Amino acid sequence: MEIVADVTRQIVLGIANGLHLAPIARVVNSLSNLDCQVRIEFNGRTSNARSASDLMLLAATHGAPLNISADGSDAEAAVEAVVAILESPEPPRETTTPVRPR
């Protein structure tokens, strides 16, 4: 049985280092309270957006075209959340001053 998506968006991955663990964790966390199924497709492979290991296997690099689709009662909110994370450059990490030994 084929799943028909209620909401679909095609985006370009804006994260300079590609799809790696930090943005993947943000994607998975953003979906935790939403009632829907979300899929991300890249290069012929479709992954469950709620699974960090599935998303890592996409190996999508900066500038990669991604198809994001969702179905369920929160499909629109889910797609918007995922798009916001993946289209934007990764937020700067907190920097700390290195401690030099005395």
PDB file of N, CA and C in Angstrom:
ATOM      1  N   MET A   1       0.827  -1.168   0.000  1.00  0.00           N
ATOM      2  CA  MET A   1       0.000   0.000   0.000  1.00  0.00           C
ATOM      3  C   MET A   1       0.880   1.242   0.000  1.00  0.00           C
ATOM      4  N   GLU A   2       0.637   2.158  -0.915  1.00  0.00           N
ATOM      5  CA  GLU A   2       1.421   3.376  -1.017  1.00  0.00           C
ATOM      6  C   GLU A   2       0.843   4.455  -0.103  1.00  0.00           C
ATOM      7  N   ILE A   3       1.735   5.157   0.592  1.00  0.00           N
ATOM      8  CA  ILE A   3       1.312   6.244   1.462  1.00  0.00           C
ATOM      9  C   ILE A   3       1.200   7.506   0.619  1.00  0.00           C
ATOM     10  N   VAL A   4       0.072   8.166   0.672  1.00  0.00           N
ATOM     11  CA  VAL A   4      -0.129   9.405  -0.058  1.00  0.00           C
ATOM     12  C   VAL A   4       0.156  10.557   0.895  1.00  0.00           C
ATOM     13  N   ALA A   5       1.062  11.436   0.489  1.00  0.00           N
ATOM     14  CA  ALA A   5       1.454  12.541   1.351  1.00  0.00           C
ATOM     15  C   ALA A   5       0.446  13.665   1.282  1.00  0.00           C
ATOM     16  N   ASP A   6       0.112  14.235   2.433  1.00  0.00           N
ATOM     17  CA  ASP A   6      -0.756  15.402   2.489  1.00  0.00           C
ATOM     18  C   ASP A   6       0.020  16.664   2.125  1.00  0.00           C
ATOM     19  N   VAL A   7       1.293  16.726   2.525  1.00  0.00           N
ATOM     20  CA  VAL A   7       2.112  17.909   2.319  1.00  0.00           C
ATOM     21  C   VAL A   7       3.467  17.472   1.777  1.00  0.00           C
ATOM     22  N   THR A   8       3.928  18.153   0.731  1.00  0.00           N
ATOM     23  CA  THR A   8       5.235  17.844   0.144  1.00  0.00           C
ATOM     24  C   THR A   8       5.937  19.145  -0.194  1.00  0.00           C
ATOM     25  N   ARG A   9       7.225  19.205   0.101  1.00  0.00           N
ATOM     26  CA  ARG A   9       8.041  20.365  -0.255  1.00  0.00           C
ATOM     27  C   ARG A   9       9.377  19.881  -0.792  1.00  0.00           C
ATOM     28  N   GLN A  10       9.893  20.583  -1.777  1.00  0.00           N
ATOM     29  CA  GLN A  10      11.239  20.306  -2.269  1.00  0.00           C
ATOM     30  C   GLN A  10      12.107  21.480  -1.863  1.00  0.00           C
ATOM     31  N   ILE A  11      13.247  21.180  -1.244  1.00  0.00           N
ATOM     32  CA  ILE A  11      14.147  22.227  -0.763  1.00  0.00           C
ATOM     33  C   ILE A  11      15.577  21.902  -1.182  1.00  0.00           C
ATOM     34  N   VAL A  12      16.447  22.850  -0.921  1.00  0.00           N
ATOM     35  CA  VAL A  12      17.884  22.645  -1.103  1.00  0.00           C
ATOM     36  C   VAL A  12      18.508  22.682   0.289  1.00  0.00           C
ATOM     37  N   LEU A  13      19.317  21.686   0.611  1.00  0.00           N
ATOM     38  CA  LEU A  13      19.948  21.600   1.920  1.00  0.00           C
ATOM     39  C   LEU A  13      20.915  22.766   2.097  1.00  0.00           C
ATOM     40  N   GLY A  14      20.645  23.605   3.098  1.00  0.00           N
ATOM     41  CA  GLY A  14      21.445  24.803   3.303  1.00  0.00           C
ATOM     42  C   GLY A  14      22.548  24.668   4.328  1.00  0.00           C
ATOM     43  N   ILE A  15      22.654  23.534   4.958  1.00  0.00           N
ATOM     44  CA  ILE A  15      23.651  23.336   6.010  1.00  0.00           C
ATOM     45  C   ILE A  15      25.007  23.083   5.358  1.00  0.00           C
ATOM     46  N   ALA A  16      25.988  23.943   5.690  1.00  0.00           N
ATOM     47  CA  ALA A  16      27.294  23.905   5.017  1.00  0.00           C
ATOM     48  C   ALA A  16      27.979  22.546   5.103  1.00  0.00           C
ATOM     49  N   ASN A  17      27.857  21.877   6.226  1.00  0.00           N
ATOM     50  CA  ASN A  17      28.523  20.578   6.396  1.00  0.00           C
ATOM     51  C   ASN A  17      27.638  19.405   6.010  1.00  0.00           C
ATOM     52  N   GLY A  18      26.513  19.680   5.384  1.00  0.00           N
ATOM     53  CA  GLY A  18      25.611  18.608   4.985  1.00  0.00           C
ATOM     54  C   GLY A  18      24.790  18.098   6.152  1.00  0.00           C
ATOM     55  N   LEU A  19      24.074  17.046   5.907  1.00  0.00           N
ATOM     56  CA  LEU A  19      23.183  16.471   6.915  1.00  0.00           C
ATOM     57  C   LEU A  19      24.006  15.612   7.873  1.00  0.00           C
ATOM     58  N   HIS A  20      24.284  16.162   9.048  1.00  0.00           N
ATOM     59  CA  HIS A  20      25.076  15.448  10.046  1.00  0.00           C
ATOM     60  C   HIS A  20      24.290  15.382  11.357  1.00  0.00           C
ATOM     61  N   LEU A  21      24.899  14.867  12.387  1.00  0.00           N
ATOM     62  CA  LEU A  21      24.172  14.518  13.604  1.00  0.00           C
ATOM     63  C   LEU A  21      23.451  15.684  14.283  1.00  0.00           C
ATOM     64  N   ALA A  22      24.049  16.859  14.355  1.00  0.00           N
ATOM     65  CA  ALA A  22      23.400  17.976  15.060  1.00  0.00           C
ATOM     66  C   ALA A  22      22.075  18.378  14.408  1.00  0.00           C
ATOM     67  N   PRO A  23      22.032  18.661  13.101  1.00  0.00           N
ATOM     68  CA  PRO A  23      20.737  18.998  12.514  1.00  0.00           C
ATOM     69  C   PRO A  23      19.780  17.813  12.487  1.00  0.00           C
ATOM     70  N   ILE A  24      20.305  16.620  12.369  1.00  0.00           N
ATOM     71  CA  ILE A  24      19.439  15.444  12.406  1.00  0.00           C
ATOM     72  C   ILE A  24      18.742  15.351  13.762  1.00  0.00           C
ATOM     73  N   ALA A  25      19.488  15.592  14.826  1.00  0.00           N
ATOM     74  CA  ALA A  25      18.888  15.557  16.166  1.00  0.00           C
ATOM     75  C   ALA A  25      17.810  16.624  16.294  1.00  0.00           C
ATOM     76  N   ARG A  26      18.039  17.808  15.716  1.00  0.00           N
ATOM     77  CA  ARG A  26      17.017  18.854  15.758  1.00  0.00           C
ATOM     78  C   ARG A  26      15.774  18.441  14.980  1.00  0.00           C
ATOM     79  N   VAL A  27      15.948  17.782  13.845  1.00  0.00           N
ATOM     80  CA  VAL A  27      14.804  17.317  13.058  1.00  0.00           C
ATOM     81  C   VAL A  27      13.997  16.301  13.866  1.00  0.00           C
ATOM     82  N   VAL A  28      14.670  15.303  14.387  1.00  0.00           N
ATOM     83  CA  VAL A  28      13.991  14.253  15.147  1.00  0.00           C
ATOM     84  C   VAL A  28      13.262  14.854  16.353  1.00  0.00           C
ATOM     85  N   ASN A  29      13.929  15.758  17.084  1.00  0.00           N
ATOM     86  CA  ASN A  29      13.297  16.380  18.252  1.00  0.00           C
ATOM     87  C   ASN A  29      12.106  17.249  17.867  1.00  0.00           C
ATOM     88  N   SER A  30      12.187  17.920  16.728  1.00  0.00           N
ATOM     89  CA  SER A  30      11.086  18.802  16.312  1.00  0.00           C
ATOM     90  C   SER A  30       9.811  18.025  15.988  1.00  0.00           C
ATOM     91  N   LEU A  31       9.945  16.752  15.707  1.00  0.00           N
ATOM     92  CA  LEU A  31       8.796  15.925  15.334  1.00  0.00           C
ATOM     93  C   LEU A  31       8.208  15.136  16.504  1.00  0.00           C
ATOM     94  N   SER A  32       8.844  15.207  17.653  1.00  0.00           N
ATOM     95  CA  SER A  32       8.477  14.323  18.759  1.00  0.00           C
ATOM     96  C   SER A  32       7.030  14.458  19.229  1.00  0.00           C
ATOM     97  N   ASN A  33       6.458  15.652  19.170  1.00  0.00           N
ATOM     98  CA  ASN A  33       5.084  15.829  19.661  1.00  0.00           C
ATOM     99  C   ASN A  33       4.067  15.992  18.538  1.00  0.00           C
ATOM    100  N   LEU A  34       4.457  15.694  17.318  1.00  0.00           N
ATOM    101  CA  LEU A  34       3.556  15.870  16.184  1.00  0.00           C
ATOM    102  C   LEU A  34       2.978  14.532  15.743  1.00  0.00           C
ATOM    103  N   ASP A  35       1.714  14.543  15.347  1.00  0.00           N
ATOM    104  CA  ASP A  35       1.001  13.337  14.938  1.00  0.00           C
ATOM    105  C   ASP A  35       1.017  13.222  13.416  1.00  0.00           C
ATOM    106  N   CYS A  36       2.082  12.632  12.897  1.00  0.00           N
ATOM    107  CA  CYS A  36       2.200  12.457  11.448  1.00  0.00           C
ATOM    108  C   CYS A  36       3.405  11.572  11.143  1.00  0.00           C
ATOM    109  N   GLN A  37       3.457  11.152   9.906  1.00  0.00           N
ATOM    110  CA  GLN A  37       4.624  10.434   9.398  1.00  0.00           C
ATOM    111  C   GLN A  37       5.342  11.380   8.456  1.00  0.00           C
ATOM    112  N   VAL A  38       6.659  11.468   8.598  1.00  0.00           N
ATOM    113  CA  VAL A  38       7.452  12.382   7.782  1.00  0.00           C
ATOM    114  C   VAL A  38       8.568  11.596   7.107  1.00  0.00           C
ATOM    115  N   ARG A  39       8.734  11.869   5.829  1.00  0.00           N
ATOM    116  CA  ARG A  39       9.776  11.207   5.054  1.00  0.00           C
ATOM    117  C   ARG A  39      10.640  12.254   4.358  1.00  0.00           C
ATOM    118  N   ILE A  40      11.933  11.959   4.247  1.00  0.00           N
ATOM    119  CA  ILE A  40      12.856  12.813   3.496  1.00  0.00           C
ATOM    120  C   ILE A  40      13.507  11.941   2.439  1.00  0.00           C
ATOM    121  N   GLU A  41      13.477  12.433   1.200  1.00  0.00           N
ATOM    122  CA  GLU A  41      14.027  11.674   0.084  1.00  0.00           C
ATOM    123  C   GLU A  41      15.203  12.430  -0.513  1.00  0.00           C
ATOM    124  N   PHE A  42      16.257  11.681  -0.793  1.00  0.00           N
ATOM    125  CA  PHE A  42      17.434  12.229  -1.466  1.00  0.00           C
ATOM    126  C   PHE A  42      18.059  11.130  -2.318  1.00  0.00           C
ATOM    127  N   ASN A  43      18.317  11.459  -3.543  1.00  0.00           N
ATOM    128  CA  ASN A  43      19.053  10.557  -4.435  1.00  0.00           C
ATOM    129  C   ASN A  43      18.421   9.167  -4.525  1.00  0.00           C
ATOM    130  N   GLY A  44      17.089   9.118  -4.582  1.00  0.00           N
ATOM    131  CA  GLY A  44      16.391   7.843  -4.737  1.00  0.00           C
ATOM    132  C   GLY A  44      16.169   7.065  -3.461  1.00  0.00           C
ATOM    133  N   ARG A  45      16.651   7.567  -2.340  1.00  0.00           N
ATOM    134  CA  ARG A  45      16.481   6.877  -1.057  1.00  0.00           C
ATOM    135  C   ARG A  45      15.523   7.684  -0.185  1.00  0.00           C
ATOM    136  N   THR A  46      14.579   7.002   0.444  1.00  0.00           N
ATOM    137  CA  THR A  46      13.614   7.660   1.327  1.00  0.00           C
ATOM    138  C   THR A  46      13.862   7.202   2.754  1.00  0.00           C
ATOM    139  N   SER A  47      13.911   8.175   3.668  1.00  0.00           N
ATOM    140  CA  SER A  47      14.166   7.878   5.078  1.00  0.00           C
ATOM    141  C   SER A  47      13.045   8.394   5.961  1.00  0.00           C
ATOM    142  N   ASN A  48      12.813   7.692   7.046  1.00  0.00           N
ATOM    143  CA  ASN A  48      11.869   8.111   8.071  1.00  0.00           C
ATOM    144  C   ASN A  48      12.531   9.257   8.838  1.00  0.00           C
ATOM    145  N   ALA A  49      11.911  10.435   8.843  1.00  0.00           N
ATOM    146  CA  ALA A  49      12.504  11.615   9.485  1.00  0.00           C
ATOM    147  C   ALA A  49      12.511  11.528  11.005  1.00  0.00           C
ATOM    148  N   ARG A  50      11.854  10.526  11.577  1.00  0.00           N
ATOM    149  CA  ARG A  50      11.883  10.335  13.028  1.00  0.00           C
ATOM    150  C   ARG A  50      13.037   9.441  13.462  1.00  0.00           C
ATOM    151  N   SER A  51      13.801   8.940  12.502  1.00  0.00           N
ATOM    152  CA  SER A  51      14.891   8.018  12.798  1.00  0.00           C
ATOM    153  C   SER A  51      16.235   8.648  12.435  1.00  0.00           C
ATOM    154  N   ALA A  52      17.043   8.929  13.457  1.00  0.00           N
ATOM    155  CA  ALA A  52      18.362   9.525  13.220  1.00  0.00           C
ATOM    156  C   ALA A  52      19.224   8.623  12.340  1.00  0.00           C
ATOM    157  N   SER A  53      19.172   7.326  12.579  1.00  0.00           N
ATOM    158  CA  SER A  53      20.003   6.417  11.784  1.00  0.00           C
ATOM    159  C   SER A  53      19.548   6.390  10.322  1.00  0.00           C
ATOM    160  N   ASP A  54      18.246   6.442  10.082  1.00  0.00           N
ATOM    161  CA  ASP A  54      17.741   6.512   8.706  1.00  0.00           C
ATOM    162  C   ASP A  54      18.249   7.773   8.020  1.00  0.00           C
ATOM    163  N   LEU A  55      18.181   8.899   8.716  1.00  0.00           N
ATOM    164  CA  LEU A  55      18.596  10.167   8.122  1.00  0.00           C
ATOM    165  C   LEU A  55      20.097  10.211   7.851  1.00  0.00           C
ATOM    166  N   MET A  56      20.888   9.613   8.726  1.00  0.00           N
ATOM    167  CA  MET A  56      22.340   9.573   8.499  1.00  0.00           C
ATOM    168  C   MET A  56      22.669   8.836   7.203  1.00  0.00           C
ATOM    169  N   LEU A  57      21.884   7.802   6.899  1.00  0.00           N
ATOM    170  CA  LEU A  57      22.140   7.013   5.693  1.00  0.00           C
ATOM    171  C   LEU A  57      21.885   7.785   4.402  1.00  0.00           C
ATOM    172  N   LEU A  58      21.162   8.893   4.486  1.00  0.00           N
ATOM    173  CA  LEU A  58      20.943   9.699   3.278  1.00  0.00           C
ATOM    174  C   LEU A  58      22.251  10.297   2.772  1.00  0.00           C
ATOM    175  N   ALA A  59      23.152  10.632   3.681  1.00  0.00           N
ATOM    176  CA  ALA A  59      24.457  11.211   3.323  1.00  0.00           C
ATOM    177  C   ALA A  59      24.305  12.418   2.394  1.00  0.00           C
ATOM    178  N   ALA A  60      23.331  13.270   2.691  1.00  0.00           N
ATOM    179  CA  ALA A  60      23.074  14.446   1.856  1.00  0.00           C
ATOM    180  C   ALA A  60      24.085  15.541   2.169  1.00  0.00           C
ATOM    181  N   THR A  61      24.623  16.157   1.124  1.00  0.00           N
ATOM    182  CA  THR A  61      25.632  17.202   1.268  1.00  0.00           C
ATOM    183  C   THR A  61      25.006  18.574   1.023  1.00  0.00           C
ATOM    184  N   HIS A  62      25.746  19.612   1.357  1.00  0.00           N
ATOM    185  CA  HIS A  62      25.280  20.990   1.153  1.00  0.00           C
ATOM    186  C   HIS A  62      24.832  21.174  -0.292  1.00  0.00           C
ATOM    187  N   GLY A  63      23.675  21.785  -0.471  1.00  0.00           N
ATOM    188  CA  GLY A  63      23.144  22.031  -1.807  1.00  0.00           C
ATOM    189  C   GLY A  63      22.336  20.887  -2.389  1.00  0.00           C
ATOM    190  N   ALA A  64      22.211  19.800  -1.646  1.00  0.00           N
ATOM    191  CA  ALA A  64      21.470  18.638  -2.142  1.00  0.00           C
ATOM    192  C   ALA A  64      19.970  18.951  -2.215  1.00  0.00           C
ATOM    193  N   PRO A  65      19.306  18.519  -3.286  1.00  0.00           N
ATOM    194  CA  PRO A  65      17.850  18.676  -3.349  1.00  0.00           C
ATOM    195  C   PRO A  65      17.182  17.595  -2.492  1.00  0.00           C
ATOM    196  N   LEU A  66      16.299  18.013  -1.608  1.00  0.00           N
ATOM    197  CA  LEU A  66      15.597  17.080  -0.729  1.00  0.00           C
ATOM    198  C   LEU A  66      14.102  17.223  -0.930  1.00  0.00           C
ATOM    199  N   ASN A  67      13.402  16.108  -0.942  1.00  0.00           N
ATOM    200  CA  ASN A  67      11.936  16.106  -0.951  1.00  0.00           C
ATOM    201  C   ASN A  67      11.477  15.732   0.445  1.00  0.00           C
ATOM    202  N   ILE A  68      10.662  16.583   1.030  1.00  0.00           N
ATOM    203  CA  ILE A  68      10.133  16.335   2.369  1.00  0.00           C
ATOM    204  C   ILE A  68       8.637  16.154   2.230  1.00  0.00           C
ATOM    205  N   SER A  69       8.124  15.050   2.760  1.00  0.00           N
ATOM    206  CA  SER A  69       6.690  14.795   2.661  1.00  0.00           C
ATOM    207  C   SER A  69       6.176  14.289   4.001  1.00  0.00           C
ATOM    208  N   ALA A  70       4.917  14.602   4.265  1.00  0.00           N
ATOM    209  CA  ALA A  70       4.304  14.177   5.527  1.00  0.00           C
ATOM    210  C   ALA A  70       2.824  13.948   5.322  1.00  0.00           C
ATOM    211  N   ASP A  71       2.290  13.042   6.110  1.00  0.00           N
ATOM    212  CA  ASP A  71       0.847  12.839   6.140  1.00  0.00           C
ATOM    213  C   ASP A  71       0.419  12.635   7.577  1.00  0.00           C
ATOM    214  N   GLY A  72      -0.773  13.074   7.866  1.00  0.00           N
ATOM    215  CA  GLY A  72      -1.292  12.993   9.219  1.00  0.00           C
ATOM    216  C   GLY A  72      -1.808  14.352   9.646  1.00  0.00           C
ATOM    217  N   SER A  73      -2.359  14.412  10.841  1.00  0.00           N
ATOM    218  CA  SER A  73      -3.020  15.641  11.283  1.00  0.00           C
ATOM    219  C   SER A  73      -2.066  16.812  11.485  1.00  0.00           C
ATOM    220  N   ASP A  74      -0.803  16.557  11.746  1.00  0.00           N
ATOM    221  CA  ASP A  74       0.180  17.632  11.940  1.00  0.00           C
ATOM    222  C   ASP A  74       1.161  17.741  10.780  1.00  0.00           C
ATOM    223  N   ALA A  75       0.766  17.269   9.603  1.00  0.00           N
ATOM    224  CA  ALA A  75       1.676  17.215   8.459  1.00  0.00           C
ATOM    225  C   ALA A  75       2.251  18.583   8.099  1.00  0.00           C
ATOM    226  N   GLU A  76       1.404  19.604   8.046  1.00  0.00           N
ATOM    227  CA  GLU A  76       1.873  20.940   7.664  1.00  0.00           C
ATOM    228  C   GLU A  76       2.906  21.462   8.657  1.00  0.00           C
ATOM    229  N   ALA A  77       2.624  21.349   9.934  1.00  0.00           N
ATOM    230  CA  ALA A  77       3.555  21.817  10.966  1.00  0.00           C
ATOM    231  C   ALA A  77       4.868  21.044  10.917  1.00  0.00           C
ATOM    232  N   ALA A  78       4.785  19.755  10.665  1.00  0.00           N
ATOM    233  CA  ALA A  78       5.990  18.931  10.604  1.00  0.00           C
ATOM    234  C   ALA A  78       6.879  19.331   9.441  1.00  0.00           C
ATOM    235  N   VAL A  79       6.287  19.499   8.272  1.00  0.00           N
ATOM    236  CA  VAL A  79       7.076  19.874   7.096  1.00  0.00           C
ATOM    237  C   VAL A  79       7.704  21.248   7.311  1.00  0.00           C
ATOM    238  N   GLU A  80       6.947  22.187   7.856  1.00  0.00           N
ATOM    239  CA  GLU A  80       7.497  23.523   8.109  1.00  0.00           C
ATOM    240  C   GLU A  80       8.660  23.466   9.096  1.00  0.00           C
ATOM    241  N   ALA A  81       8.547  22.647  10.127  1.00  0.00           N
ATOM    242  CA  ALA A  81       9.623  22.519  11.110  1.00  0.00           C
ATOM    243  C   ALA A  81      10.881  21.941  10.477  1.00  0.00           C
ATOM    244  N   VAL A  82      10.716  20.903   9.680  1.00  0.00           N
ATOM    245  CA  VAL A  82      11.865  20.263   9.032  1.00  0.00           C
ATOM    246  C   VAL A  82      12.505  21.216   8.015  1.00  0.00           C
ATOM    247  N   VAL A  83      11.691  21.893   7.239  1.00  0.00           N
ATOM    248  CA  VAL A  83      12.200  22.852   6.250  1.00  0.00           C
ATOM    249  C   VAL A  83      13.003  23.947   6.947  1.00  0.00           C
ATOM    250  N   ALA A  84      12.489  24.475   8.043  1.00  0.00           N
ATOM    251  CA  ALA A  84      13.187  25.542   8.766  1.00  0.00           C
ATOM    252  C   ALA A  84      14.573  25.102   9.225  1.00  0.00           C
ATOM    253  N   ILE A  85      14.700  23.852   9.622  1.00  0.00           N
ATOM    254  CA  ILE A  85      15.988  23.334  10.089  1.00  0.00           C
ATOM    255  C   ILE A  85      16.934  23.093   8.923  1.00  0.00           C
ATOM    256  N   LEU A  86      16.439  22.471   7.860  1.00  0.00           N
ATOM    257  CA  LEU A  86      17.321  22.020   6.789  1.00  0.00           C
ATOM    258  C   LEU A  86      17.655  23.074   5.735  1.00  0.00           C
ATOM    259  N   GLU A  87      16.798  24.063   5.555  1.00  0.00           N
ATOM    260  CA  GLU A  87      17.087  25.099   4.564  1.00  0.00           C
ATOM    261  C   GLU A  87      18.080  26.135   5.082  1.00  0.00           C
ATOM    262  N   SER A  88      18.066  26.372   6.355  1.00  0.00           N
ATOM    263  CA  SER A  88      18.902  27.417   6.943  1.00  0.00           C
ATOM    264  C   SER A  88      20.313  26.912   7.171  1.00  0.00           C
ATOM    265  N   PRO A  89      21.275  27.839   7.063  1.00  0.00           N
ATOM    266  CA  PRO A  89      22.624  27.442   7.476  1.00  0.00           C
ATOM    267  C   PRO A  89      22.574  27.064   8.951  1.00  0.00           C
ATOM    268  N   GLU A  90      23.425  26.172   9.352  1.00  0.00           N
ATOM    269  CA  GLU A  90      23.439  25.725  10.743  1.00  0.00           C
ATOM    270  C   GLU A  90      23.740  26.902  11.655  1.00  0.00           C
ATOM    271  N   PRO A  91      23.015  27.023  12.767  1.00  0.00           N
ATOM    272  CA  PRO A  91      23.296  28.132  13.677  1.00  0.00           C
ATOM    273  C   PRO A  91      24.714  28.016  14.228  1.00  0.00           C
ATOM    274  N   PRO A  92      25.334  29.147  14.511  1.00  0.00           N
ATOM    275  CA  PRO A  92      26.702  29.076  15.039  1.00  0.00           C
ATOM    276  C   PRO A  92      26.741  28.358  16.374  1.00  0.00           C
ATOM    277  N   ARG A  93      27.779  27.617  16.568  1.00  0.00           N
ATOM    278  CA  ARG A  93      27.943  26.909  17.831  1.00  0.00           C
ATOM    279  C   ARG A  93      28.521  27.866  18.852  1.00  0.00           C
ATOM    280  N   GLU A  94      28.233  27.585  20.108  1.00  0.00           N
ATOM    281  CA  GLU A  94      28.815  28.398  21.160  1.00  0.00           C
ATOM    282  C   GLU A  94      30.315  28.152  21.162  1.00  0.00           C
ATOM    283  N   THR A  95      31.031  29.225  21.256  1.00  0.00           N
ATOM    284  CA  THR A  95      32.487  29.081  21.309  1.00  0.00           C
ATOM    285  C   THR A  95      32.958  29.393  22.710  1.00  0.00           C
ATOM    286  N   THR A  96      33.938  28.689  23.118  1.00  0.00           N
ATOM    287  CA  THR A  96      34.524  28.930  24.428  1.00  0.00           C
ATOM    288  C   THR A  96      35.997  29.222  24.212  1.00  0.00           C
ATOM    289  N   THR A  97      36.535  29.992  25.110  1.00  0.00           N
ATOM    290  CA  THR A  97      37.952  30.286  25.038  1.00  0.00           C
ATOM    291  C   THR A  97      38.708  29.083  25.573  1.00  0.00           C
ATOM    292  N   PRO A  98      39.658  28.594  24.791  1.00  0.00           N
ATOM    293  CA  PRO A  98      40.406  27.434  25.277  1.00  0.00           C
ATOM    294  C   PRO A  98      41.179  27.778  26.556  1.00  0.00           C
ATOM    295  N   VAL A  99      41.216  26.849  27.452  1.00  0.00           N
ATOM    296  CA  VAL A  99      41.962  27.026  28.683  1.00  0.00           C
ATOM    297  C   VAL A  99      43.387  26.566  28.429  1.00  0.00           C
ATOM    298  N   ARG A 100      44.304  27.486  28.671  1.00  0.00           N
ATOM    299  CA  ARG A 100      45.719  27.135  28.467  1.00  0.00           C
ATOM    300  C   ARG A 100      46.313  26.693  29.788  1.00  0.00           C
ATOM    301  N   PRO A 101      47.080  25.634  29.750  1.00  0.00           N
ATOM    302  CA  PRO A 101      47.721  25.175  30.992  1.00  0.00           C
ATOM    303  C   PRO A 101      48.716  26.239  31.486  1.00  0.00           C
ATOM    304  N   ARG A 102      48.838  26.334  32.770  1.00  0.00           N
ATOM    305  CA  ARG A 102      49.781  27.311  33.355  1.00  0.00           C
ATOM    306  C   ARG A 102      51.140  26.738  33.504  1.00  0.00           C
TER     307      ARG A 102
END
